[in-house]
Amino acid sequence: MTTYYRGFLLYSLNRQPTFFHIRCFFMAKLKSKWFETPSSGFGYATKFYYKVFKSIAQDETLSLNSELPPMKTTWFLTEKKMAAWLKLTGYDLPYPQAFTFSAPAGVWALMQVLKEIGISFGRIMHLSSRLLMLSKDGFQVGEHYSTYVHYLGVKPHSKRAVMIRFLSIVKNVRGQDIMHLEDELYVAGLDEDFVKQLNLSSEETQRRNTKATLLNNKMADSLKIDIGRSLGQQYGKLSGDLNPMHISSIGARLFGHKKSFIQGLCTLNVVVATLGKHWKCTIRSVDINFIRPVSQPSKPTLLCTLDHFELIDDEGNLLVSGRYICSN
């Protein structure tokens, strides 16, 4: 067993995999539901915004305990798409990275699932992601892939808020798992009685650290990152996540934010690229917590040790934090 897989096994055990494995067993019993991911461009944007505003306008049914079949779609990684992702992240080394090429499928599936469980798109906030690249060679240009998006259910957060969880599994044409991506989304402003009736487990939600801890760590390297004014828009075109608050300041203000900020998975991709370039290695797994929005434009600093990282703004405020495993 390689150092990476031995390390990830221990890491996974610390993440309490029992619920995950039980959940996957029952998901395997459900037949996948096929969906077509719209092609990019004006037609996709029109359909995306139609779904967003329809979601905001509709009455919420909040069927959070629904047992939904996996959503499945296929996609093809072209040389042009690969080049666009590398340009977006500024990555130019030969070590393969776990960039979220499957994001368009994931975003569209998320829209479908939110409709099924009755959650307005404007209500959710990205809390965390856990990414694992299982293929030594990463994604290959000219290959077909399938993405399966599983709704893992709901976890308690507070008296009026919950976390909804999704797992995206990307497979190649030979049925081999290439990448796993688990996302937690925060849903707030719920009725307290409604949260009680969900009969959620009484497990306490682990409090997230909201202050930087690596600032005074002499072993931590400091890397400056340049977040461009239109990075959210550029990532949106590649990933399909055209949420208005990531596209323009006007869109952000419509949702109650002072200025626009980049997508959570955009931040993840930038962090992966920066760590991969710095250590000259492949980032095999990442566990990332989104604490505060990463504004655009901005020049945050990435602090990193051999297995932990923190992204802070000019005032030392913690934006994201997490841990990772890399290998050559």
C-alpha atoms as a PDB file:
ATOM      1  CA  MET A   1       0.000   0.000   0.000  1.00  0.00           C
ATOM      2  CA  THR A   2       1.475   3.345  -1.037  1.00  0.00           C
ATOM      3  CA  THR A   3       2.029   6.144   1.456  1.00  0.00           C
ATOM      4  CA  TYR A   4      -0.783   8.113  -0.158  1.00  0.00           C
ATOM      5  CA  TYR A   5      -3.431   5.392   0.090  1.00  0.00           C
ATOM      6  CA  ARG A   6      -2.341   4.395   3.593  1.00  0.00           C
ATOM      7  CA  GLY A   7      -2.593   8.048   4.615  1.00  0.00           C
ATOM      8  CA  PHE A   8      -5.968   8.505   2.991  1.00  0.00           C
ATOM      9  CA  LEU A   9      -7.324   5.347   4.622  1.00  0.00           C
ATOM     10  CA  LEU A  10      -6.447   6.716   8.061  1.00  0.00           C
ATOM     11  CA  TYR A  11      -7.810  10.083   7.041  1.00  0.00           C
ATOM     12  CA  SER A  12     -11.081   8.519   5.864  1.00  0.00           C
ATOM     13  CA  LEU A  13     -11.474   6.574   9.093  1.00  0.00           C
ATOM     14  CA  ASN A  14     -11.188   9.831  11.000  1.00  0.00           C
ATOM     15  CA  ARG A  15     -14.008  11.196   8.830  1.00  0.00           C
ATOM     16  CA  GLN A  16     -16.468   8.588  10.257  1.00  0.00           C
ATOM     17  CA  PRO A  17     -17.144   6.598   7.056  1.00  0.00           C
ATOM     18  CA  THR A  18     -19.847   4.343   8.540  1.00  0.00           C
ATOM     19  CA  PHE A  19     -22.774   6.556   7.506  1.00  0.00           C
ATOM     20  CA  PHE A  20     -21.191   7.106   4.084  1.00  0.00           C
ATOM     21  CA  HIS A  21     -20.790   3.386   3.394  1.00  0.00           C
ATOM     22  CA  ILE A  22     -24.299   2.529   4.605  1.00  0.00           C
ATOM     23  CA  ARG A  23     -25.672   5.302   2.448  1.00  0.00           C
ATOM     24  CA  CYS A  24     -23.722   4.086  -0.613  1.00  0.00           C
ATOM     25  CA  PHE A  25     -25.075   0.549  -0.076  1.00  0.00           C
ATOM     26  CA  PHE A  26     -28.664   1.777  -0.286  1.00  0.00           C
ATOM     27  CA  MET A  27     -27.867   4.130  -3.186  1.00  0.00           C
ATOM     28  CA  ALA A  28     -26.597   1.133  -5.128  1.00  0.00           C
ATOM     29  CA  LYS A  29     -30.134  -0.278  -4.912  1.00  0.00           C
ATOM     30  CA  LEU A  30     -31.581   2.768  -6.662  1.00  0.00           C
ATOM     31  CA  LYS A  31     -31.640   2.919 -10.443  1.00  0.00           C
ATOM     32  CA  SER A  32     -29.767   5.871 -11.914  1.00  0.00           C
ATOM     33  CA  LYS A  33     -31.823   8.667 -13.448  1.00  0.00           C
ATOM     34  CA  TRP A  34     -30.377   9.893 -16.736  1.00  0.00           C
ATOM     35  CA  PHE A  35     -30.232  13.620 -17.477  1.00  0.00           C
ATOM     36  CA  GLU A  36     -28.839  15.627 -20.366  1.00  0.00           C
ATOM     37  CA  THR A  37     -26.370  18.412 -19.583  1.00  0.00           C
ATOM     38  CA  PRO A  38     -27.103  21.368 -21.892  1.00  0.00           C
ATOM     39  CA  SER A  39     -24.242  22.537 -24.081  1.00  0.00           C
ATOM     40  CA  SER A  40     -22.449  25.713 -23.044  1.00  0.00           C
ATOM     41  CA  GLY A  41     -23.176  29.116 -24.522  1.00  0.00           C
ATOM     42  CA  PHE A  42     -26.161  31.442 -24.616  1.00  0.00           C
ATOM     43  CA  GLY A  43     -28.666  28.566 -24.650  1.00  0.00           C
ATOM     44  CA  TYR A  44     -27.204  27.084 -21.468  1.00  0.00           C
ATOM     45  CA  ALA A  45     -27.136  30.469 -19.707  1.00  0.00           C
ATOM     46  CA  THR A  46     -30.775  31.074 -20.614  1.00  0.00           C
ATOM     47  CA  LYS A  47     -31.837  27.676 -19.224  1.00  0.00           C
ATOM     48  CA  PHE A  48     -29.686  28.145 -16.118  1.00  0.00           C
ATOM     49  CA  TYR A  49     -31.155  31.543 -15.191  1.00  0.00           C
ATOM     50  CA  TYR A  50     -34.645  30.305 -15.980  1.00  0.00           C
ATOM     51  CA  LYS A  51     -34.145  27.496 -13.450  1.00  0.00           C
ATOM     52  CA  VAL A  52     -32.629  29.869 -10.871  1.00  0.00           C
ATOM     53  CA  PHE A  53     -35.433  32.417 -10.959  1.00  0.00           C
ATOM     54  CA  LYS A  54     -38.112  29.746 -11.220  1.00  0.00           C
ATOM     55  CA  SER A  55     -36.553  28.140  -8.123  1.00  0.00           C
ATOM     56  CA  ILE A  56     -36.645  31.444  -6.230  1.00  0.00           C
ATOM     57  CA  ALA A  57     -40.262  32.114  -7.209  1.00  0.00           C
ATOM     58  CA  GLN A  58     -41.671  28.656  -6.457  1.00  0.00           C
ATOM     59  CA  ASP A  59     -43.157  27.588  -3.135  1.00  0.00           C
ATOM     60  CA  GLU A  60     -40.668  25.460  -1.198  1.00  0.00           C
ATOM     61  CA  THR A  61     -41.845  21.944  -0.377  1.00  0.00           C
ATOM     62  CA  LEU A  62     -38.710  21.047   1.645  1.00  0.00           C
ATOM     63  CA  SER A  63     -38.704  17.282   1.134  1.00  0.00           C
ATOM     64  CA  LEU A  64     -35.232  17.007   2.641  1.00  0.00           C
ATOM     65  CA  ASN A  65     -35.544  13.353   3.651  1.00  0.00           C
ATOM     66  CA  SER A  66     -36.314  12.193   0.125  1.00  0.00           C
ATOM     67  CA  GLU A  67     -34.643   9.033  -1.201  1.00  0.00           C
ATOM     68  CA  LEU A  68     -33.576  10.073  -4.691  1.00  0.00           C
ATOM     69  CA  PRO A  69     -31.964   7.908  -7.372  1.00  0.00           C
ATOM     70  CA  PRO A  70     -28.474   8.908  -8.567  1.00  0.00           C
ATOM     71  CA  MET A  71     -28.418  11.431 -11.411  1.00  0.00           C
ATOM     72  CA  LYS A  72     -26.248  10.287 -14.325  1.00  0.00           C
ATOM     73  CA  THR A  73     -24.813  11.993 -17.379  1.00  0.00           C
ATOM     74  CA  THR A  74     -21.827  11.592 -19.711  1.00  0.00           C
ATOM     75  CA  TRP A  75     -19.278  14.071 -21.018  1.00  0.00           C
ATOM     76  CA  PHE A  76     -16.143  14.245 -23.134  1.00  0.00           C
ATOM     77  CA  LEU A  77     -12.858  15.963 -22.238  1.00  0.00           C
ATOM     78  CA  THR A  78     -11.559  17.800 -25.270  1.00  0.00           C
ATOM     79  CA  GLU A  79      -8.125  19.319 -25.696  1.00  0.00           C
ATOM     80  CA  LYS A  80      -9.756  22.755 -25.889  1.00  0.00           C
ATOM     81  CA  LYS A  81     -11.558  22.243 -22.576  1.00  0.00           C
ATOM     82  CA  MET A  82      -8.385  20.984 -20.884  1.00  0.00           C
ATOM     83  CA  ALA A  83      -6.460  24.039 -22.129  1.00  0.00           C
ATOM     84  CA  ALA A  84      -9.197  26.363 -20.855  1.00  0.00           C
ATOM     85  CA  TRP A  85      -9.055  24.842 -17.340  1.00  0.00           C
ATOM     86  CA  LEU A  86      -5.249  25.081 -17.239  1.00  0.00           C
ATOM     87  CA  LYS A  87      -5.385  28.704 -18.351  1.00  0.00           C
ATOM     88  CA  LEU A  88      -8.058  29.531 -15.777  1.00  0.00           C
ATOM     89  CA  THR A  89      -6.002  28.108 -12.897  1.00  0.00           C
ATOM     90  CA  GLY A  90      -2.636  29.209 -14.255  1.00  0.00           C
ATOM     91  CA  TYR A  91      -1.345  25.649 -14.082  1.00  0.00           C
ATOM     92  CA  ASP A  92       1.452  24.643 -16.471  1.00  0.00           C
ATOM     93  CA  LEU A  93       3.202  21.635 -14.926  1.00  0.00           C
ATOM     94  CA  PRO A  94       3.017  17.977 -16.096  1.00  0.00           C
ATOM     95  CA  TYR A  95       1.713  16.597 -12.784  1.00  0.00           C
ATOM     96  CA  PRO A  96      -2.006  15.714 -13.207  1.00  0.00           C
ATOM     97  CA  GLN A  97      -4.362  17.560 -10.847  1.00  0.00           C
ATOM     98  CA  ALA A  98      -7.879  16.852  -9.618  1.00  0.00           C
ATOM     99  CA  PHE A  99      -9.515  19.776 -11.378  1.00  0.00           C
ATOM    100  CA  THR A 100     -13.308  19.545 -11.415  1.00  0.00           C
ATOM    101  CA  PHE A 101     -13.753  18.989 -15.147  1.00  0.00           C
ATOM    102  CA  SER A 102     -17.086  17.309 -14.357  1.00  0.00           C
ATOM    103  CA  ALA A 103     -18.488  20.501 -12.794  1.00  0.00           C
ATOM    104  CA  PRO A 104     -21.017  21.219 -15.605  1.00  0.00           C
ATOM    105  CA  ALA A 105     -22.669  17.840 -15.006  1.00  0.00           C
ATOM    106  CA  GLY A 106     -22.575  18.365 -11.243  1.00  0.00           C
ATOM    107  CA  VAL A 107     -24.075  21.847 -11.378  1.00  0.00           C
ATOM    108  CA  TRP A 108     -26.960  20.791 -13.612  1.00  0.00           C
ATOM    109  CA  ALA A 109     -27.656  17.714 -11.482  1.00  0.00           C
ATOM    110  CA  LEU A 110     -27.646  19.879  -8.352  1.00  0.00           C
ATOM    111  CA  MET A 111     -30.280  22.119  -9.930  1.00  0.00           C
ATOM    112  CA  GLN A 112     -32.424  19.048 -10.622  1.00  0.00           C
ATOM    113  CA  VAL A 113     -32.014  17.631  -7.116  1.00  0.00           C
ATOM    114  CA  LEU A 114     -32.799  20.979  -5.446  1.00  0.00           C
ATOM    115  CA  LYS A 115     -36.029  21.008  -7.434  1.00  0.00           C
ATOM    116  CA  GLU A 116     -36.847  17.489  -6.235  1.00  0.00           C
ATOM    117  CA  ILE A 117     -36.280  18.281  -2.543  1.00  0.00           C
ATOM    118  CA  GLY A 118     -37.967  21.687  -2.807  1.00  0.00           C
ATOM    119  CA  ILE A 119     -35.060  24.008  -1.952  1.00  0.00           C
ATOM    120  CA  SER A 120     -34.748  27.454  -3.532  1.00  0.00           C
ATOM    121  CA  PHE A 121     -31.395  27.913  -5.295  1.00  0.00           C
ATOM    122  CA  GLY A 122     -30.959  31.310  -3.619  1.00  0.00           C
ATOM    123  CA  ARG A 123     -31.146  29.766  -0.146  1.00  0.00           C
ATOM    124  CA  ILE A 124     -28.055  27.531  -0.282  1.00  0.00           C
ATOM    125  CA  MET A 125     -24.435  28.307   0.605  1.00  0.00           C
ATOM    126  CA  HIS A 126     -21.385  26.117  -0.037  1.00  0.00           C
ATOM    127  CA  LEU A 127     -19.894  24.969   3.288  1.00  0.00           C
ATOM    128  CA  SER A 128     -17.255  22.412   2.406  1.00  0.00           C
ATOM    129  CA  SER A 129     -15.939  19.945  -0.173  1.00  0.00           C
ATOM    130  CA  ARG A 130     -13.958  16.725   0.041  1.00  0.00           C
ATOM    131  CA  LEU A 131     -12.186  15.681  -3.140  1.00  0.00           C
ATOM    132  CA  LEU A 132     -10.331  12.457  -3.888  1.00  0.00           C
ATOM    133  CA  MET A 133      -8.607  11.621  -7.172  1.00  0.00           C
ATOM    134  CA  LEU A 134      -8.376   7.835  -7.484  1.00  0.00           C
ATOM    135  CA  SER A 135      -6.676   7.633 -10.876  1.00  0.00           C
ATOM    136  CA  LYS A 136      -2.888   7.897 -10.869  1.00  0.00           C
ATOM    137  CA  ASP A 137      -2.926   9.514 -14.319  1.00  0.00           C
ATOM    138  CA  GLY A 138      -5.874  11.839 -13.667  1.00  0.00           C
ATOM    139  CA  PHE A 139      -8.233  12.894 -16.437  1.00  0.00           C
ATOM    140  CA  GLN A 140      -7.197  12.221 -20.028  1.00  0.00           C
ATOM    141  CA  VAL A 141      -7.923  14.330 -23.109  1.00  0.00           C
ATOM    142  CA  GLY A 142     -10.033  12.417 -25.639  1.00  0.00           C
ATOM    143  CA  GLU A 143     -11.750  10.270 -23.008  1.00  0.00           C
ATOM    144  CA  HIS A 144     -15.465   9.852 -22.270  1.00  0.00           C
ATOM    145  CA  TYR A 145     -16.587   9.996 -18.644  1.00  0.00           C
ATOM    146  CA  SER A 146     -19.795   9.426 -16.687  1.00  0.00           C
ATOM    147  CA  THR A 147     -20.780  11.464 -13.644  1.00  0.00           C
ATOM    148  CA  TYR A 148     -23.164  10.082 -11.015  1.00  0.00           C
ATOM    149  CA  VAL A 149     -24.540  12.622  -8.541  1.00  0.00           C
ATOM    150  CA  HIS A 150     -25.975  11.132  -5.327  1.00  0.00           C
ATOM    151  CA  TYR A 151     -28.087  13.007  -2.809  1.00  0.00           C
ATOM    152  CA  LEU A 152     -26.770  11.836   0.572  1.00  0.00           C
ATOM    153  CA  GLY A 153     -29.459  13.443   2.665  1.00  0.00           C
ATOM    154  CA  VAL A 154     -29.474  16.016   5.416  1.00  0.00           C
ATOM    155  CA  LYS A 155     -27.459  16.592   8.598  1.00  0.00           C
ATOM    156  CA  PRO A 156     -28.252  18.922  11.519  1.00  0.00           C
ATOM    157  CA  HIS A 157     -26.455  22.226  11.810  1.00  0.00           C
ATOM    158  CA  SER A 158     -28.440  24.374  14.261  1.00  0.00           C
ATOM    159  CA  LYS A 159     -32.041  24.914  15.391  1.00  0.00           C
ATOM    160  CA  ARG A 160     -32.995  26.618  12.123  1.00  0.00           C
ATOM    161  CA  ALA A 161     -30.391  25.328   9.699  1.00  0.00           C
ATOM    162  CA  VAL A 162     -29.289  22.049   8.149  1.00  0.00           C
ATOM    163  CA  MET A 163     -26.598  20.783   5.806  1.00  0.00           C
ATOM    164  CA  ILE A 164     -27.535  18.908   2.645  1.00  0.00           C
ATOM    165  CA  ARG A 165     -24.908  16.589   1.187  1.00  0.00           C
ATOM    166  CA  PHE A 166     -24.084  15.415  -2.331  1.00  0.00           C
ATOM    167  CA  LEU A 167     -21.572  12.927  -3.691  1.00  0.00           C
ATOM    168  CA  SER A 168     -20.365  13.083  -7.302  1.00  0.00           C
ATOM    169  CA  ILE A 169     -18.596   9.993  -8.640  1.00  0.00           C
ATOM    170  CA  VAL A 170     -16.790  10.249 -11.981  1.00  0.00           C
ATOM    171  CA  LYS A 171     -16.055   7.022 -13.885  1.00  0.00           C
ATOM    172  CA  ASN A 172     -14.295   6.351 -17.176  1.00  0.00           C
ATOM    173  CA  VAL A 173     -15.701   4.131 -19.946  1.00  0.00           C
ATOM    174  CA  ARG A 174     -14.139   1.069 -18.300  1.00  0.00           C
ATOM    175  CA  GLY A 175     -16.158   1.692 -15.141  1.00  0.00           C
ATOM    176  CA  GLN A 176     -13.152   2.747 -13.065  1.00  0.00           C
ATOM    177  CA  ASP A 177     -13.652   5.457 -10.460  1.00  0.00           C
ATOM    178  CA  ILE A 178     -11.564   8.502 -11.398  1.00  0.00           C
ATOM    179  CA  MET A 179     -12.691  11.062  -8.849  1.00  0.00           C
ATOM    180  CA  HIS A 180     -15.031  11.450  -5.871  1.00  0.00           C
ATOM    181  CA  LEU A 181     -16.306  14.847  -4.772  1.00  0.00           C
ATOM    182  CA  GLU A 182     -18.506  15.274  -1.706  1.00  0.00           C
ATOM    183  CA  ASP A 183     -20.120  18.671  -1.103  1.00  0.00           C
ATOM    184  CA  GLU A 184     -21.962  20.070   1.912  1.00  0.00           C
ATOM    185  CA  LEU A 185     -24.404  22.936   1.370  1.00  0.00           C
ATOM    186  CA  TYR A 186     -25.821  25.099   4.148  1.00  0.00           C
ATOM    187  CA  VAL A 187     -29.565  25.785   4.224  1.00  0.00           C
ATOM    188  CA  ALA A 188     -30.606  28.417   6.782  1.00  0.00           C
ATOM    189  CA  GLY A 189     -33.744  30.283   7.786  1.00  0.00           C
ATOM    190  CA  LEU A 190     -35.820  27.143   8.284  1.00  0.00           C
ATOM    191  CA  ASP A 191     -38.680  26.901  10.723  1.00  0.00           C
ATOM    192  CA  GLU A 192     -37.512  25.432  14.028  1.00  0.00           C
ATOM    193  CA  ASP A 193     -40.427  22.995  14.200  1.00  0.00           C
ATOM    194  CA  PHE A 194     -39.696  21.847  10.662  1.00  0.00           C
ATOM    195  CA  VAL A 195     -36.074  21.036  11.569  1.00  0.00           C
ATOM    196  CA  LYS A 196     -37.263  19.091  14.628  1.00  0.00           C
ATOM    197  CA  GLN A 197     -39.649  16.945  12.599  1.00  0.00           C
ATOM    198  CA  LEU A 198     -36.815  15.815  10.314  1.00  0.00           C
ATOM    199  CA  ASN A 199     -35.791  13.430  13.119  1.00  0.00           C
ATOM    200  CA  LEU A 200     -32.139  14.116  12.514  1.00  0.00           C
ATOM    201  CA  SER A 201     -29.502  12.451  14.665  1.00  0.00           C
ATOM    202  CA  SER A 202     -28.489  14.315  17.787  1.00  0.00           C
ATOM    203  CA  GLU A 203     -24.811  14.325  16.806  1.00  0.00           C
ATOM    204  CA  GLU A 204     -23.200  17.684  17.418  1.00  0.00           C
ATOM    205  CA  THR A 205     -21.995  19.614  14.420  1.00  0.00           C
ATOM    206  CA  GLN A 206     -18.280  20.195  14.741  1.00  0.00           C
ATOM    207  CA  ARG A 207     -17.538  23.880  15.049  1.00  0.00           C
ATOM    208  CA  ARG A 208     -15.381  25.232  12.275  1.00  0.00           C
ATOM    209  CA  ASN A 209     -12.374  27.319  13.095  1.00  0.00           C
ATOM    210  CA  THR A 210     -12.885  30.854  11.741  1.00  0.00           C
ATOM    211  CA  LYS A 211      -9.463  32.289  12.610  1.00  0.00           C
ATOM    212  CA  ALA A 212      -6.167  31.765  10.824  1.00  0.00           C
ATOM    213  CA  THR A 213      -3.778  29.466  12.678  1.00  0.00           C
ATOM    214  CA  LEU A 214      -0.833  29.369  10.243  1.00  0.00           C
ATOM    215  CA  LEU A 215      -0.003  33.096  10.319  1.00  0.00           C
ATOM    216  CA  ASN A 216       2.619  32.655  13.033  1.00  0.00           C
ATOM    217  CA  ASN A 217       3.729  29.204  11.940  1.00  0.00           C
ATOM    218  CA  LYS A 218       7.371  29.508  10.836  1.00  0.00           C
ATOM    219  CA  MET A 219       7.073  26.240   8.925  1.00  0.00           C
ATOM    220  CA  ALA A 220       4.265  27.578   6.698  1.00  0.00           C
ATOM    221  CA  ASP A 221       5.063  28.875   3.228  1.00  0.00           C
ATOM    222  CA  SER A 222       3.309  32.034   2.017  1.00  0.00           C
ATOM    223  CA  LEU A 223       2.013  32.180  -1.573  1.00  0.00           C
ATOM    224  CA  LYS A 224       0.274  35.196  -3.104  1.00  0.00           C
ATOM    225  CA  ILE A 225      -2.712  34.490  -5.371  1.00  0.00           C
ATOM    226  CA  ASP A 226      -4.165  36.955  -7.876  1.00  0.00           C
ATOM    227  CA  ILE A 227      -7.971  36.700  -8.149  1.00  0.00           C
ATOM    228  CA  GLY A 228      -8.998  38.582 -11.282  1.00  0.00           C
ATOM    229  CA  ARG A 229     -12.082  40.762 -11.589  1.00  0.00           C
ATOM    230  CA  SER A 230     -13.785  38.330 -13.979  1.00  0.00           C
ATOM    231  CA  LEU A 231     -12.531  34.992 -12.589  1.00  0.00           C
ATOM    232  CA  GLY A 232     -16.013  34.008 -11.370  1.00  0.00           C
ATOM    233  CA  GLN A 233     -17.448  34.713 -14.809  1.00  0.00           C
ATOM    234  CA  GLN A 234     -14.667  32.738 -16.529  1.00  0.00           C
ATOM    235  CA  TYR A 235     -15.139  29.781 -14.187  1.00  0.00           C
ATOM    236  CA  GLY A 236     -18.907  30.036 -14.666  1.00  0.00           C
ATOM    237  CA  LYS A 237     -18.540  29.613 -18.420  1.00  0.00           C
ATOM    238  CA  LEU A 238     -16.384  26.506 -17.925  1.00  0.00           C
ATOM    239  CA  SER A 239     -18.269  24.930 -15.036  1.00  0.00           C
ATOM    240  CA  GLY A 240     -21.847  25.981 -15.756  1.00  0.00           C
ATOM    241  CA  ASP A 241     -22.140  27.693 -12.350  1.00  0.00           C
ATOM    242  CA  LEU A 242     -23.489  31.019 -13.557  1.00  0.00           C
ATOM    243  CA  ASN A 243     -24.879  32.081 -10.189  1.00  0.00           C
ATOM    244  CA  PRO A 244     -25.399  35.876 -10.499  1.00  0.00           C
ATOM    245  CA  MET A 245     -23.445  36.656  -7.315  1.00  0.00           C
ATOM    246  CA  HIS A 246     -20.312  35.193  -8.928  1.00  0.00           C
ATOM    247  CA  ILE A 247     -20.773  37.059 -12.198  1.00  0.00           C
ATOM    248  CA  SER A 248     -21.220  40.721 -11.233  1.00  0.00           C
ATOM    249  CA  SER A 249     -21.500  43.072  -8.258  1.00  0.00           C
ATOM    250  CA  ILE A 250     -25.089  43.872  -9.262  1.00  0.00           C
ATOM    251  CA  GLY A 251     -25.973  40.175  -9.147  1.00  0.00           C
ATOM    252  CA  ALA A 252     -24.265  39.830  -5.762  1.00  0.00           C
ATOM    253  CA  ARG A 253     -26.205  42.770  -4.311  1.00  0.00           C
ATOM    254  CA  LEU A 254     -29.468  41.210  -5.484  1.00  0.00           C
ATOM    255  CA  PHE A 255     -28.677  38.319  -3.126  1.00  0.00           C
ATOM    256  CA  GLY A 256     -27.629  40.551  -0.225  1.00  0.00           C
ATOM    257  CA  HIS A 257     -23.836  40.642  -0.743  1.00  0.00           C
ATOM    258  CA  LYS A 258     -21.752  43.818  -0.992  1.00  0.00           C
ATOM    259  CA  LYS A 259     -19.614  42.599  -3.892  1.00  0.00           C
ATOM    260  CA  SER A 260     -19.204  39.564  -6.094  1.00  0.00           C
ATOM    261  CA  PHE A 261     -17.044  36.590  -5.128  1.00  0.00           C
ATOM    262  CA  ILE A 262     -15.802  33.459  -6.841  1.00  0.00           C
ATOM    263  CA  GLN A 263     -17.473  30.054  -6.619  1.00  0.00           C
ATOM    264  CA  GLY A 264     -16.439  27.608  -3.912  1.00  0.00           C
ATOM    265  CA  LEU A 265     -15.215  25.039  -6.434  1.00  0.00           C
ATOM    266  CA  CYS A 266     -13.377  27.796  -8.320  1.00  0.00           C
ATOM    267  CA  THR A 267     -11.507  28.484  -5.070  1.00  0.00           C
ATOM    268  CA  LEU A 268     -10.827  24.743  -4.720  1.00  0.00           C
ATOM    269  CA  ASN A 269      -9.374  24.518  -8.237  1.00  0.00           C
ATOM    270  CA  VAL A 270      -7.157  27.572  -7.693  1.00  0.00           C
ATOM    271  CA  VAL A 271      -5.879  26.153  -4.374  1.00  0.00           C
ATOM    272  CA  VAL A 272      -5.151  22.758  -5.983  1.00  0.00           C
ATOM    273  CA  ALA A 273      -3.248  24.424  -8.844  1.00  0.00           C
ATOM    274  CA  THR A 274      -1.260  26.660  -6.478  1.00  0.00           C
ATOM    275  CA  LEU A 275      -0.288  23.794  -4.155  1.00  0.00           C
ATOM    276  CA  GLY A 276       0.561  21.542  -7.120  1.00  0.00           C
ATOM    277  CA  LYS A 277       2.863  24.183  -8.616  1.00  0.00           C
ATOM    278  CA  HIS A 278       4.467  25.009  -5.278  1.00  0.00           C
ATOM    279  CA  TRP A 279       5.296  21.438  -4.287  1.00  0.00           C
ATOM    280  CA  LYS A 280       5.672  20.147  -7.871  1.00  0.00           C
ATOM    281  CA  CYS A 281       3.378  17.203  -7.195  1.00  0.00           C
ATOM    282  CA  THR A 282      -0.128  15.861  -7.769  1.00  0.00           C
ATOM    283  CA  ILE A 283      -2.703  16.840  -5.150  1.00  0.00           C
ATOM    284  CA  ARG A 284      -4.537  13.564  -4.540  1.00  0.00           C
ATOM    285  CA  SER A 285      -7.076  14.602  -1.924  1.00  0.00           C
ATOM    286  CA  VAL A 286      -8.377  17.876  -0.511  1.00  0.00           C
ATOM    287  CA  ASP A 287     -10.690  18.615   2.395  1.00  0.00           C
ATOM    288  CA  ILE A 288     -11.683  22.290   2.198  1.00  0.00           C
ATOM    289  CA  ASN A 289     -13.920  24.495   4.364  1.00  0.00           C
ATOM    290  CA  PHE A 290     -15.327  27.712   2.969  1.00  0.00           C
ATOM    291  CA  ILE A 291     -15.330  30.280   5.791  1.00  0.00           C
ATOM    292  CA  ARG A 292     -15.715  33.648   4.052  1.00  0.00           C
ATOM    293  CA  PRO A 293     -16.280  34.640   0.398  1.00  0.00           C
ATOM    294  CA  VAL A 294     -13.203  35.153  -1.785  1.00  0.00           C
ATOM    295  CA  SER A 295     -13.857  38.545  -3.356  1.00  0.00           C
ATOM    296  CA  GLN A 296     -13.033  39.469  -6.927  1.00  0.00           C
ATOM    297  CA  PRO A 297     -10.748  41.193  -7.593  1.00  0.00           C
ATOM    298  CA  SER A 298      -8.466  40.449  -4.648  1.00  0.00           C
ATOM    299  CA  LYS A 299      -4.973  39.195  -3.794  1.00  0.00           C
ATOM    300  CA  PRO A 300      -5.312  36.716  -0.932  1.00  0.00           C
ATOM    301  CA  THR A 301      -2.390  34.773   0.539  1.00  0.00           C
ATOM    302  CA  LEU A 302      -2.228  30.987   0.671  1.00  0.00           C
ATOM    303  CA  LEU A 303      -0.393  29.725   3.765  1.00  0.00           C
ATOM    304  CA  CYS A 304       0.596  26.067   3.586  1.00  0.00           C
ATOM    305  CA  THR A 305       2.513  23.395   5.439  1.00  0.00           C
ATOM    306  CA  LEU A 306       3.079  19.891   4.092  1.00  0.00           C
ATOM    307  CA  ASP A 307      -0.539  18.887   4.740  1.00  0.00           C
ATOM    308  CA  HIS A 308      -2.558  21.967   5.807  1.00  0.00           C
ATOM    309  CA  PHE A 309      -3.470  25.232   4.111  1.00  0.00           C
ATOM    310  CA  GLU A 310      -5.281  28.484   4.845  1.00  0.00           C
ATOM    311  CA  LEU A 311      -6.297  31.267   2.497  1.00  0.00           C
ATOM    312  CA  ILE A 312      -6.368  34.700   4.144  1.00  0.00           C
ATOM    313  CA  ASP A 313      -7.172  38.221   2.937  1.00  0.00           C
ATOM    314  CA  ASP A 314      -5.019  41.352   3.354  1.00  0.00           C
ATOM    315  CA  GLU A 315      -6.366  41.884   6.869  1.00  0.00           C
ATOM    316  CA  GLY A 316      -5.567  38.350   7.996  1.00  0.00           C
ATOM    317  CA  ASN A 317      -9.179  37.142   7.910  1.00  0.00           C
ATOM    318  CA  LEU A 318      -9.535  33.421   7.220  1.00  0.00           C
ATOM    319  CA  LEU A 319     -11.305  32.762   3.895  1.00  0.00           C
ATOM    320  CA  VAL A 320     -10.855  29.004   3.462  1.00  0.00           C
ATOM    321  CA  SER A 321      -8.952  26.308   5.296  1.00  0.00           C
ATOM    322  CA  GLY A 322      -8.272  22.637   4.871  1.00  0.00           C
ATOM    323  CA  ARG A 323      -5.840  19.794   4.524  1.00  0.00           C
ATOM    324  CA  TYR A 324      -4.489  17.838   1.593  1.00  0.00           C
ATOM    325  CA  ILE A 325      -2.365  14.899   0.514  1.00  0.00           C
ATOM    326  CA  CYS A 326       0.053  15.070  -2.407  1.00  0.00           C
ATOM    327  CA  SER A 327       2.194  12.506  -4.231  1.00  0.00           C
ATOM    328  CA  ASN A 328       4.635  12.450  -7.126  1.00  0.00           C
END
